[in-house]
Amino acid sequence: MTPLSAFEARDKARPTGPVFDIAQGTRVRRDRIDTAGVVTLRYRGRLYHIGVGRAYKHMPVLMLVDGVDVRILTEEGEMLRHLTLDPTRNYQAIGNSNVSTMS
């Protein structure tokens, strides 16, 4: 048996946790919600602030970014916020009309 085939025949350690079906071209980012309940995202060279809510302060999150489509999830996979980024606004407030919140 060659070393490569022996290596491939063994069981491998796999990451645990939820499995996300991520489309090709989607950017995955790990971040932490700040004290004010906001995460930041750089898109096309500009920094945007996305409100999530103070109830989630200091919580680690995953951000799935596909162009202007942004999803913010807990590490367990619970959707905190899904929005379409408005490039004309620096701060993406929770109450904007282009926003749907889930909690």
PDB file of N, CA and C in Angstrom:
ATOM      1  N   MET A   1       0.854  -1.166   0.000  1.00  0.00           N
ATOM      2  CA  MET A   1       0.000   0.000   0.000  1.00  0.00           C
ATOM      3  C   MET A   1       0.908   1.240   0.000  1.00  0.00           C
ATOM      4  N   THR A   2       0.597   2.194  -0.847  1.00  0.00           N
ATOM      5  CA  THR A   2       1.418   3.413  -0.896  1.00  0.00           C
ATOM      6  C   THR A   2       1.084   4.300   0.301  1.00  0.00           C
ATOM      7  N   PRO A   3       1.987   5.195   0.671  1.00  0.00           N
ATOM      8  CA  PRO A   3       1.703   6.096   1.793  1.00  0.00           C
ATOM      9  C   PRO A   3       0.436   6.928   1.569  1.00  0.00           C
ATOM     10  N   LEU A   4       0.194   7.383   0.334  1.00  0.00           N
ATOM     11  CA  LEU A   4      -1.001   8.189   0.065  1.00  0.00           C
ATOM     12  C   LEU A   4      -2.272   7.373   0.258  1.00  0.00           C
ATOM     13  N   SER A   5      -2.317   6.180  -0.246  1.00  0.00           N
ATOM     14  CA  SER A   5      -3.524   5.366  -0.087  1.00  0.00           C
ATOM     15  C   SER A   5      -3.725   4.967   1.379  1.00  0.00           C
ATOM     16  N   ALA A   6      -2.640   4.753   2.133  1.00  0.00           N
ATOM     17  CA  ALA A   6      -2.765   4.471   3.563  1.00  0.00           C
ATOM     18  C   ALA A   6      -3.326   5.684   4.302  1.00  0.00           C
ATOM     19  N   PHE A   7      -2.879   6.883   3.916  1.00  0.00           N
ATOM     20  CA  PHE A   7      -3.361   8.109   4.536  1.00  0.00           C
ATOM     21  C   PHE A   7      -4.842   8.314   4.236  1.00  0.00           C
ATOM     22  N   GLU A   8      -5.244   8.123   2.993  1.00  0.00           N
ATOM     23  CA  GLU A   8      -6.635   8.344   2.610  1.00  0.00           C
ATOM     24  C   GLU A   8      -7.578   7.297   3.195  1.00  0.00           C
ATOM     25  N   ALA A   9      -7.070   6.116   3.551  1.00  0.00           N
ATOM     26  CA  ALA A   9      -7.900   5.055   4.107  1.00  0.00           C
ATOM     27  C   ALA A   9      -8.254   5.290   5.577  1.00  0.00           C
ATOM     28  N   ARG A  10      -7.498   6.139   6.260  1.00  0.00           N
ATOM     29  CA  ARG A  10      -7.742   6.388   7.688  1.00  0.00           C
ATOM     30  C   ARG A  10      -8.887   7.371   7.899  1.00  0.00           C
ATOM     31  N   ASP A  11      -9.551   7.250   9.073  1.00  0.00           N
ATOM     32  CA  ASP A  11     -10.585   8.211   9.451  1.00  0.00           C
ATOM     33  C   ASP A  11      -9.921   9.548   9.738  1.00  0.00           C
ATOM     34  N   LYS A  12     -10.600  10.624   9.331  1.00  0.00           N
ATOM     35  CA  LYS A  12     -10.072  11.971   9.546  1.00  0.00           C
ATOM     36  C   LYS A  12     -10.959  12.716  10.535  1.00  0.00           C
ATOM     37  N   ALA A  13     -10.348  13.620  11.292  1.00  0.00           N
ATOM     38  CA  ALA A  13     -11.112  14.488  12.184  1.00  0.00           C
ATOM     39  C   ALA A  13     -11.851  15.517  11.334  1.00  0.00           C
ATOM     40  N   ARG A  14     -13.088  15.749  11.647  1.00  0.00           N
ATOM     41  CA  ARG A  14     -13.912  16.716  10.920  1.00  0.00           C
ATOM     42  C   ARG A  14     -14.402  17.772  11.896  1.00  0.00           C
ATOM     43  N   PRO A  15     -14.624  18.993  11.411  1.00  0.00           N
ATOM     44  CA  PRO A  15     -15.151  20.026  12.300  1.00  0.00           C
ATOM     45  C   PRO A  15     -16.565  19.676  12.745  1.00  0.00           C
ATOM     46  N   THR A  16     -16.899  20.067  13.954  1.00  0.00           N
ATOM     47  CA  THR A  16     -18.240  19.838  14.470  1.00  0.00           C
ATOM     48  C   THR A  16     -19.037  21.124  14.368  1.00  0.00           C
ATOM     49  N   GLY A  17     -20.307  21.034  14.539  1.00  0.00           N
ATOM     50  CA  GLY A  17     -21.159  22.213  14.477  1.00  0.00           C
ATOM     51  C   GLY A  17     -22.067  22.162  13.271  1.00  0.00           C
ATOM     52  N   PRO A  18     -22.829  23.247  13.087  1.00  0.00           N
ATOM     53  CA  PRO A  18     -23.776  23.247  11.976  1.00  0.00           C
ATOM     54  C   PRO A  18     -23.068  23.284  10.631  1.00  0.00           C
ATOM     55  N   VAL A  19     -23.703  22.698   9.639  1.00  0.00           N
ATOM     56  CA  VAL A  19     -23.170  22.694   8.287  1.00  0.00           C
ATOM     57  C   VAL A  19     -23.993  23.680   7.469  1.00  0.00           C
ATOM     58  N   PHE A  20     -23.321  24.634   6.832  1.00  0.00           N
ATOM     59  CA  PHE A  20     -24.001  25.637   6.025  1.00  0.00           C
ATOM     60  C   PHE A  20     -23.790  25.319   4.555  1.00  0.00           C
ATOM     61  N   ASP A  21     -24.840  25.430   3.785  1.00  0.00           N
ATOM     62  CA  ASP A  21     -24.746  25.272   2.340  1.00  0.00           C
ATOM     63  C   ASP A  21     -24.451  26.654   1.764  1.00  0.00           C
ATOM     64  N   ILE A  22     -23.183  26.901   1.436  1.00  0.00           N
ATOM     65  CA  ILE A  22     -22.743  28.222   1.018  1.00  0.00           C
ATOM     66  C   ILE A  22     -22.520  28.213  -0.486  1.00  0.00           C
ATOM     67  N   ALA A  23     -23.139  29.181  -1.166  1.00  0.00           N
ATOM     68  CA  ALA A  23     -23.024  29.277  -2.617  1.00  0.00           C
ATOM     69  C   ALA A  23     -21.623  29.728  -3.012  1.00  0.00           C
ATOM     70  N   GLN A  24     -21.219  29.369  -4.222  1.00  0.00           N
ATOM     71  CA  GLN A  24     -19.924  29.776  -4.761  1.00  0.00           C
ATOM     72  C   GLN A  24     -19.877  31.301  -4.822  1.00  0.00           C
ATOM     73  N   GLY A  25     -18.783  31.893  -4.372  1.00  0.00           N
ATOM     74  CA  GLY A  25     -18.617  33.339  -4.415  1.00  0.00           C
ATOM     75  C   GLY A  25     -19.097  34.041  -3.160  1.00  0.00           C
ATOM     76  N   THR A  26     -19.662  33.322  -2.214  1.00  0.00           N
ATOM     77  CA  THR A  26     -20.108  33.918  -0.963  1.00  0.00           C
ATOM     78  C   THR A  26     -18.926  34.061  -0.021  1.00  0.00           C
ATOM     79  N   ARG A  27     -18.782  35.240   0.537  1.00  0.00           N
ATOM     80  CA  ARG A  27     -17.702  35.516   1.488  1.00  0.00           C
ATOM     81  C   ARG A  27     -18.188  35.186   2.894  1.00  0.00           C
ATOM     82  N   VAL A  28     -17.394  34.437   3.638  1.00  0.00           N
ATOM     83  CA  VAL A  28     -17.732  34.064   5.007  1.00  0.00           C
ATOM     84  C   VAL A  28     -16.806  34.815   5.939  1.00  0.00           C
ATOM     85  N   ARG A  29     -17.381  35.494   6.914  1.00  0.00           N
ATOM     86  CA  ARG A  29     -16.591  36.309   7.824  1.00  0.00           C
ATOM     87  C   ARG A  29     -17.021  36.039   9.257  1.00  0.00           C
ATOM     88  N   ARG A  30     -16.049  35.835  10.122  1.00  0.00           N
ATOM     89  CA  ARG A  30     -16.334  35.700  11.553  1.00  0.00           C
ATOM     90  C   ARG A  30     -16.089  37.051  12.202  1.00  0.00           C
ATOM     91  N   ASP A  31     -17.008  37.458  13.069  1.00  0.00           N
ATOM     92  CA  ASP A  31     -16.891  38.757  13.724  1.00  0.00           C
ATOM     93  C   ASP A  31     -17.543  38.672  15.096  1.00  0.00           C
ATOM     94  N   ARG A  32     -17.486  39.766  15.820  1.00  0.00           N
ATOM     95  CA  ARG A  32     -18.122  39.861  17.130  1.00  0.00           C
ATOM     96  C   ARG A  32     -18.920  41.153  17.148  1.00  0.00           C
ATOM     97  N   ILE A  33     -20.150  41.086  17.625  1.00  0.00           N
ATOM     98  CA  ILE A  33     -20.995  42.271  17.720  1.00  0.00           C
ATOM     99  C   ILE A  33     -20.432  43.158  18.829  1.00  0.00           C
ATOM    100  N   ASP A  34     -20.296  44.464  18.548  1.00  0.00           N
ATOM    101  CA  ASP A  34     -19.696  45.362  19.536  1.00  0.00           C
ATOM    102  C   ASP A  34     -20.710  45.744  20.614  1.00  0.00           C
ATOM    103  N   THR A  35     -20.285  46.595  21.537  1.00  0.00           N
ATOM    104  CA  THR A  35     -21.109  46.986  22.687  1.00  0.00           C
ATOM    105  C   THR A  35     -22.389  47.691  22.254  1.00  0.00           C
ATOM    106  N   ALA A  36     -22.342  48.412  21.149  1.00  0.00           N
ATOM    107  CA  ALA A  36     -23.521  49.139  20.660  1.00  0.00           C
ATOM    108  C   ALA A  36     -24.454  48.251  19.843  1.00  0.00           C
ATOM    109  N   GLY A  37     -24.121  46.984  19.646  1.00  0.00           N
ATOM    110  CA  GLY A  37     -24.966  46.076  18.877  1.00  0.00           C
ATOM    111  C   GLY A  37     -24.766  46.189  17.382  1.00  0.00           C
ATOM    112  N   VAL A  38     -23.537  46.528  16.962  1.00  0.00           N
ATOM    113  CA  VAL A  38     -23.240  46.781  15.556  1.00  0.00           C
ATOM    114  C   VAL A  38     -22.066  45.917  15.114  1.00  0.00           C
ATOM    115  N   VAL A  39     -22.096  45.461  13.854  1.00  0.00           N
ATOM    116  CA  VAL A  39     -20.944  44.830  13.214  1.00  0.00           C
ATOM    117  C   VAL A  39     -20.542  45.695  12.028  1.00  0.00           C
ATOM    118  N   THR A  40     -19.287  45.601  11.637  1.00  0.00           N
ATOM    119  CA  THR A  40     -18.817  46.384  10.499  1.00  0.00           C
ATOM    120  C   THR A  40     -18.492  45.453   9.344  1.00  0.00           C
ATOM    121  N   LEU A  41     -18.635  45.992   8.141  1.00  0.00           N
ATOM    122  CA  LEU A  41     -18.390  45.225   6.931  1.00  0.00           C
ATOM    123  C   LEU A  41     -17.761  46.151   5.901  1.00  0.00           C
ATOM    124  N   ARG A  42     -16.665  45.700   5.303  1.00  0.00           N
ATOM    125  CA  ARG A  42     -16.049  46.467   4.217  1.00  0.00           C
ATOM    126  C   ARG A  42     -16.574  45.917   2.900  1.00  0.00           C
ATOM    127  N   TYR A  43     -17.136  46.831   2.105  1.00  0.00           N
ATOM    128  CA  TYR A  43     -17.690  46.467   0.807  1.00  0.00           C
ATOM    129  C   TYR A  43     -17.231  47.509  -0.207  1.00  0.00           C
ATOM    130  N   ARG A  44     -16.525  47.046  -1.234  1.00  0.00           N
ATOM    131  CA  ARG A  44     -15.992  47.917  -2.288  1.00  0.00           C
ATOM    132  C   ARG A  44     -15.200  49.092  -1.729  1.00  0.00           C
ATOM    133  N   GLY A  45     -14.361  48.810  -0.746  1.00  0.00           N
ATOM    134  CA  GLY A  45     -13.452  49.807  -0.200  1.00  0.00           C
ATOM    135  C   GLY A  45     -14.055  50.738   0.831  1.00  0.00           C
ATOM    136  N   ARG A  46     -15.338  50.593   1.133  1.00  0.00           N
ATOM    137  CA  ARG A  46     -15.978  51.437   2.146  1.00  0.00           C
ATOM    138  C   ARG A  46     -16.391  50.586   3.337  1.00  0.00           C
ATOM    139  N   LEU A  47     -16.369  51.208   4.515  1.00  0.00           N
ATOM    140  CA  LEU A  47     -16.749  50.519   5.739  1.00  0.00           C
ATOM    141  C   LEU A  47     -18.204  50.844   6.067  1.00  0.00           C
ATOM    142  N   TYR A  48     -19.012  49.807   6.249  1.00  0.00           N
ATOM    143  CA  TYR A  48     -20.416  49.966   6.586  1.00  0.00           C
ATOM    144  C   TYR A  48     -20.663  49.408   7.973  1.00  0.00           C
ATOM    145  N   HIS A  49     -21.576  50.046   8.698  1.00  0.00           N
ATOM    146  CA  HIS A  49     -21.950  49.622  10.041  1.00  0.00           C
ATOM    147  C   HIS A  49     -23.361  49.050   9.965  1.00  0.00           C
ATOM    148  N   ILE A  50     -23.516  47.817  10.435  1.00  0.00           N
ATOM    149  CA  ILE A  50     -24.800  47.122  10.344  1.00  0.00           C
ATOM    150  C   ILE A  50     -25.334  46.887  11.753  1.00  0.00           C
ATOM    151  N   GLY A  51     -26.479  47.479  12.046  1.00  0.00           N
ATOM    152  CA  GLY A  51     -27.102  47.302  13.350  1.00  0.00           C
ATOM    153  C   GLY A  51     -27.735  45.928  13.478  1.00  0.00           C
ATOM    154  N   VAL A  52     -27.451  45.268  14.598  1.00  0.00           N
ATOM    155  CA  VAL A  52     -28.038  43.955  14.872  1.00  0.00           C
ATOM    156  C   VAL A  52     -28.916  44.034  16.115  1.00  0.00           C
ATOM    157  N   GLY A  53     -28.496  44.801  17.100  1.00  0.00           N
ATOM    158  CA  GLY A  53     -29.262  44.969  18.330  1.00  0.00           C
ATOM    159  C   GLY A  53     -28.380  44.795  19.547  1.00  0.00           C
ATOM    160  N   ARG A  54     -28.587  45.643  20.533  1.00  0.00           N
ATOM    161  CA  ARG A  54     -27.773  45.584  21.758  1.00  0.00           C
ATOM    162  C   ARG A  54     -27.982  44.313  22.550  1.00  0.00           C
ATOM    163  N   ALA A  55     -29.080  43.642  22.333  1.00  0.00           N
ATOM    164  CA  ALA A  55     -29.334  42.384  23.040  1.00  0.00           C
ATOM    165  C   ALA A  55     -28.284  41.335  22.677  1.00  0.00           C
ATOM    166  N   TYR A  56     -27.607  41.513  21.538  1.00  0.00           N
ATOM    167  CA  TYR A  56     -26.622  40.548  21.069  1.00  0.00           C
ATOM    168  C   TYR A  56     -25.186  41.023  21.278  1.00  0.00           C
ATOM    169  N   LYS A  57     -24.966  42.055  22.078  1.00  0.00           N
ATOM    170  CA  LYS A  57     -23.611  42.603  22.232  1.00  0.00           C
ATOM    171  C   LYS A  57     -22.617  41.539  22.680  1.00  0.00           C
ATOM    172  N   HIS A  58     -21.421  41.625  22.118  1.00  0.00           N
ATOM    173  CA  HIS A  58     -20.283  40.738  22.376  1.00  0.00           C
ATOM    174  C   HIS A  58     -20.489  39.306  21.875  1.00  0.00           C
ATOM    175  N   MET A  59     -21.550  39.052  21.126  1.00  0.00           N
ATOM    176  CA  MET A  59     -21.818  37.712  20.619  1.00  0.00           C
ATOM    177  C   MET A  59     -20.982  37.461  19.353  1.00  0.00           C
ATOM    178  N   PRO A  60     -20.299  36.325  19.274  1.00  0.00           N
ATOM    179  CA  PRO A  60     -19.594  35.985  18.030  1.00  0.00           C
ATOM    180  C   PRO A  60     -20.608  35.592  16.956  1.00  0.00           C
ATOM    181  N   VAL A  61     -20.388  36.075  15.737  1.00  0.00           N
ATOM    182  CA  VAL A  61     -21.322  35.810  14.643  1.00  0.00           C
ATOM    183  C   VAL A  61     -20.571  35.417  13.374  1.00  0.00           C
ATOM    184  N   LEU A  62     -21.314  34.828  12.455  1.00  0.00           N
ATOM    185  CA  LEU A  62     -20.835  34.545  11.103  1.00  0.00           C
ATOM    186  C   LEU A  62     -21.583  35.476  10.163  1.00  0.00           C
ATOM    187  N   MET A  63     -20.851  36.091   9.245  1.00  0.00           N
ATOM    188  CA  MET A  63     -21.482  36.937   8.241  1.00  0.00           C
ATOM    189  C   MET A  63     -21.280  36.275   6.887  1.00  0.00           C
ATOM    190  N   LEU A  64     -22.377  36.028   6.173  1.00  0.00           N
ATOM    191  CA  LEU A  64     -22.328  35.474   4.831  1.00  0.00           C
ATOM    192  C   LEU A  64     -22.659  36.616   3.874  1.00  0.00           C
ATOM    193  N   VAL A  65     -21.682  37.004   3.052  1.00  0.00           N
ATOM    194  CA  VAL A  65     -21.822  38.164   2.184  1.00  0.00           C
ATOM    195  C   VAL A  65     -21.722  37.715   0.731  1.00  0.00           C
ATOM    196  N   ASP A  66     -22.792  37.943  -0.014  1.00  0.00           N
ATOM    197  CA  ASP A  66     -22.813  37.631  -1.444  1.00  0.00           C
ATOM    198  C   ASP A  66     -23.220  38.908  -2.168  1.00  0.00           C
ATOM    199  N   GLY A  67     -22.245  39.713  -2.537  1.00  0.00           N
ATOM    200  CA  GLY A  67     -22.530  41.014  -3.134  1.00  0.00           C
ATOM    201  C   GLY A  67     -23.149  41.921  -2.089  1.00  0.00           C
ATOM    202  N   VAL A  68     -24.368  42.394  -2.345  1.00  0.00           N
ATOM    203  CA  VAL A  68     -25.042  43.256  -1.374  1.00  0.00           C
ATOM    204  C   VAL A  68     -25.978  42.472  -0.459  1.00  0.00           C
ATOM    205  N   ASP A  69     -26.100  41.169  -0.662  1.00  0.00           N
ATOM    206  CA  ASP A  69     -26.913  40.316   0.196  1.00  0.00           C
ATOM    207  C   ASP A  69     -26.085  39.896   1.403  1.00  0.00           C
ATOM    208  N   VAL A  70     -26.531  40.290   2.609  1.00  0.00           N
ATOM    209  CA  VAL A  70     -25.779  40.023   3.837  1.00  0.00           C
ATOM    210  C   VAL A  70     -26.671  39.252   4.799  1.00  0.00           C
ATOM    211  N   ARG A  71     -26.140  38.158   5.332  1.00  0.00           N
ATOM    212  CA  ARG A  71     -26.831  37.373   6.365  1.00  0.00           C
ATOM    213  C   ARG A  71     -25.926  37.308   7.585  1.00  0.00           C
ATOM    214  N   ILE A  72     -26.481  37.591   8.742  1.00  0.00           N
ATOM    215  CA  ILE A  72     -25.731  37.535   9.995  1.00  0.00           C
ATOM    216  C   ILE A  72     -26.336  36.418  10.836  1.00  0.00           C
ATOM    217  N   LEU A  73     -25.487  35.437  11.167  1.00  0.00           N
ATOM    218  CA  LEU A  73     -25.925  34.240  11.885  1.00  0.00           C
ATOM    219  C   LEU A  73     -25.137  34.074  13.170  1.00  0.00           C
ATOM    220  N   THR A  74     -25.746  33.424  14.159  1.00  0.00           N
ATOM    221  CA  THR A  74     -24.993  33.024  15.333  1.00  0.00           C
ATOM    222  C   THR A  74     -24.097  31.861  14.930  1.00  0.00           C
ATOM    223  N   GLU A  75     -23.157  31.498  15.766  1.00  0.00           N
ATOM    224  CA  GLU A  75     -22.291  30.364  15.452  1.00  0.00           C
ATOM    225  C   GLU A  75     -23.057  29.048  15.444  1.00  0.00           C
ATOM    226  N   GLU A  76     -24.242  29.017  16.061  1.00  0.00           N
ATOM    227  CA  GLU A  76     -25.083  27.821  16.049  1.00  0.00           C
ATOM    228  C   GLU A  76     -25.950  27.760  14.802  1.00  0.00           C
ATOM    229  N   GLY A  77     -25.985  28.833  14.004  1.00  0.00           N
ATOM    230  CA  GLY A  77     -26.738  28.838  12.765  1.00  0.00           C
ATOM    231  C   GLY A  77     -28.045  29.596  12.806  1.00  0.00           C
ATOM    232  N   GLU A  78     -28.384  30.243  13.921  1.00  0.00           N
ATOM    233  CA  GLU A  78     -29.628  31.011  14.024  1.00  0.00           C
ATOM    234  C   GLU A  78     -29.474  32.340  13.283  1.00  0.00           C
ATOM    235  N   MET A  79     -30.425  32.670  12.419  1.00  0.00           N
ATOM    236  CA  MET A  79     -30.390  33.907  11.655  1.00  0.00           C
ATOM    237  C   MET A  79     -30.728  35.089  12.566  1.00  0.00           C
ATOM    238  N   LEU A  80     -29.809  36.058  12.663  1.00  0.00           N
ATOM    239  CA  LEU A  80     -30.064  37.264  13.430  1.00  0.00           C
ATOM    240  C   LEU A  80     -30.583  38.386  12.538  1.00  0.00           C
ATOM    241  N   ARG A  81     -30.024  38.464  11.344  1.00  0.00           N
ATOM    242  CA  ARG A  81     -30.429  39.540  10.440  1.00  0.00           C
ATOM    243  C   ARG A  81     -30.102  39.163   8.998  1.00  0.00           C
ATOM    244  N   HIS A  82     -30.994  39.531   8.099  1.00  0.00           N
ATOM    245  CA  HIS A  82     -30.787  39.345   6.668  1.00  0.00           C
ATOM    246  C   HIS A  82     -31.143  40.677   6.019  1.00  0.00           C
ATOM    247  N   LEU A  83     -30.231  41.236   5.245  1.00  0.00           N
ATOM    248  CA  LEU A  83     -30.488  42.527   4.647  1.00  0.00           C
ATOM    249  C   LEU A  83     -29.826  42.645   3.293  1.00  0.00           C
ATOM    250  N   THR A  84     -30.299  43.616   2.537  1.00  0.00           N
ATOM    251  CA  THR A  84     -29.661  44.015   1.296  1.00  0.00           C
ATOM    252  C   THR A  84     -28.922  45.306   1.603  1.00  0.00           C
ATOM    253  N   LEU A  85     -27.610  45.282   1.462  1.00  0.00           N
ATOM    254  CA  LEU A  85     -26.775  46.428   1.794  1.00  0.00           C
ATOM    255  C   LEU A  85     -27.110  47.605   0.882  1.00  0.00           C
ATOM    256  N   ASP A  86     -27.347  48.766   1.484  1.00  0.00           N
ATOM    257  CA  ASP A  86     -27.599  49.993   0.726  1.00  0.00           C
ATOM    258  C   ASP A  86     -26.285  50.762   0.656  1.00  0.00           C
ATOM    259  N   PRO A  87     -25.580  50.740  -0.489  1.00  0.00           N
ATOM    260  CA  PRO A  87     -24.267  51.375  -0.587  1.00  0.00           C
ATOM    261  C   PRO A  87     -24.292  52.893  -0.411  1.00  0.00           C
ATOM    262  N   THR A  88     -25.472  53.512  -0.438  1.00  0.00           N
ATOM    263  CA  THR A  88     -25.545  54.964  -0.257  1.00  0.00           C
ATOM    264  C   THR A  88     -25.591  55.360   1.212  1.00  0.00           C
ATOM    265  N   ARG A  89     -25.745  54.388   2.103  1.00  0.00           N
ATOM    266  CA  ARG A  89     -25.843  54.682   3.542  1.00  0.00           C
ATOM    267  C   ARG A  89     -24.695  54.013   4.288  1.00  0.00           C
ATOM    268  N   ASN A  90     -24.030  54.778   5.148  1.00  0.00           N
ATOM    269  CA  ASN A  90     -22.928  54.267   5.950  1.00  0.00           C
ATOM    270  C   ASN A  90     -23.436  53.343   7.051  1.00  0.00           C
ATOM    271  N   TYR A  91     -24.575  53.679   7.665  1.00  0.00           N
ATOM    272  CA  TYR A  91     -25.139  52.889   8.754  1.00  0.00           C
ATOM    273  C   TYR A  91     -26.406  52.201   8.264  1.00  0.00           C
ATOM    274  N   GLN A  92     -26.462  50.902   8.405  1.00  0.00           N
ATOM    275  CA  GLN A  92     -27.619  50.100   7.995  1.00  0.00           C
ATOM    276  C   GLN A  92     -28.464  49.842   9.238  1.00  0.00           C
ATOM    277  N   ALA A  93     -29.424  50.718   9.489  1.00  0.00           N
ATOM    278  CA  ALA A  93     -30.238  50.629  10.687  1.00  0.00           C
ATOM    279  C   ALA A  93     -31.169  49.424  10.629  1.00  0.00           C
ATOM    280  N   ILE A  94     -31.645  49.018  11.765  1.00  0.00           N
ATOM    281  CA  ILE A  94     -32.526  47.849  11.854  1.00  0.00           C
ATOM    282  C   ILE A  94     -33.881  48.134  11.224  1.00  0.00           C
ATOM    283  N   GLY A  95     -34.386  49.349  11.293  1.00  0.00           N
ATOM    284  CA  GLY A  95     -35.718  49.667  10.795  1.00  0.00           C
ATOM    285  C   GLY A  95     -35.795  50.055   9.346  1.00  0.00           C
ATOM    286  N   ASN A  96     -34.714  49.944   8.558  1.00  0.00           N
ATOM    287  CA  ASN A  96     -34.760  50.331   7.136  1.00  0.00           C
ATOM    288  C   ASN A  96     -35.725  49.455   6.365  1.00  0.00           C
ATOM    289  N   SER A  97     -36.268  50.010   5.269  1.00  0.00           N
ATOM    290  CA  SER A  97     -37.245  49.264   4.468  1.00  0.00           C
ATOM    291  C   SER A  97     -36.593  48.121   3.690  1.00  0.00           C
ATOM    292  N   ASN A  98     -35.262  48.156   3.497  1.00  0.00           N
ATOM    293  CA  ASN A  98     -34.575  47.089   2.751  1.00  0.00           C
ATOM    294  C   ASN A  98     -34.105  45.975   3.668  1.00  0.00           C
ATOM    295  N   VAL A  99     -34.662  45.919   4.865  1.00  0.00           N
ATOM    296  CA  VAL A  99     -34.173  45.010   5.894  1.00  0.00           C
ATOM    297  C   VAL A  99     -35.266  44.073   6.348  1.00  0.00           C
ATOM    298  N   SER A 100     -34.908  42.828   6.544  1.00  0.00           N
ATOM    299  CA  SER A 100     -35.793  41.930   7.254  1.00  0.00           C
ATOM    300  C   SER A 100     -35.028  41.404   8.446  1.00  0.00           C
ATOM    301  N   THR A 101     -35.632  41.464   9.613  1.00  0.00           N
ATOM    302  CA  THR A 101     -34.967  40.978  10.819  1.00  0.00           C
ATOM    303  C   THR A 101     -35.639  39.710  11.281  1.00  0.00           C
ATOM    304  N   MET A 102     -34.845  38.823  11.825  1.00  0.00           N
ATOM    305  CA  MET A 102     -35.371  37.565  12.380  1.00  0.00           C
ATOM    306  C   MET A 102     -34.732  37.387  13.735  1.00  0.00           C
ATOM    307  N   SER A 103     -35.501  36.934  14.668  1.00  0.00           N
ATOM    308  CA  SER A 103     -34.940  36.818  16.005  1.00  0.00           C
ATOM    309  C   SER A 103     -35.473  35.630  16.725  1.00  0.00           C
TER     310      SER A 103
END
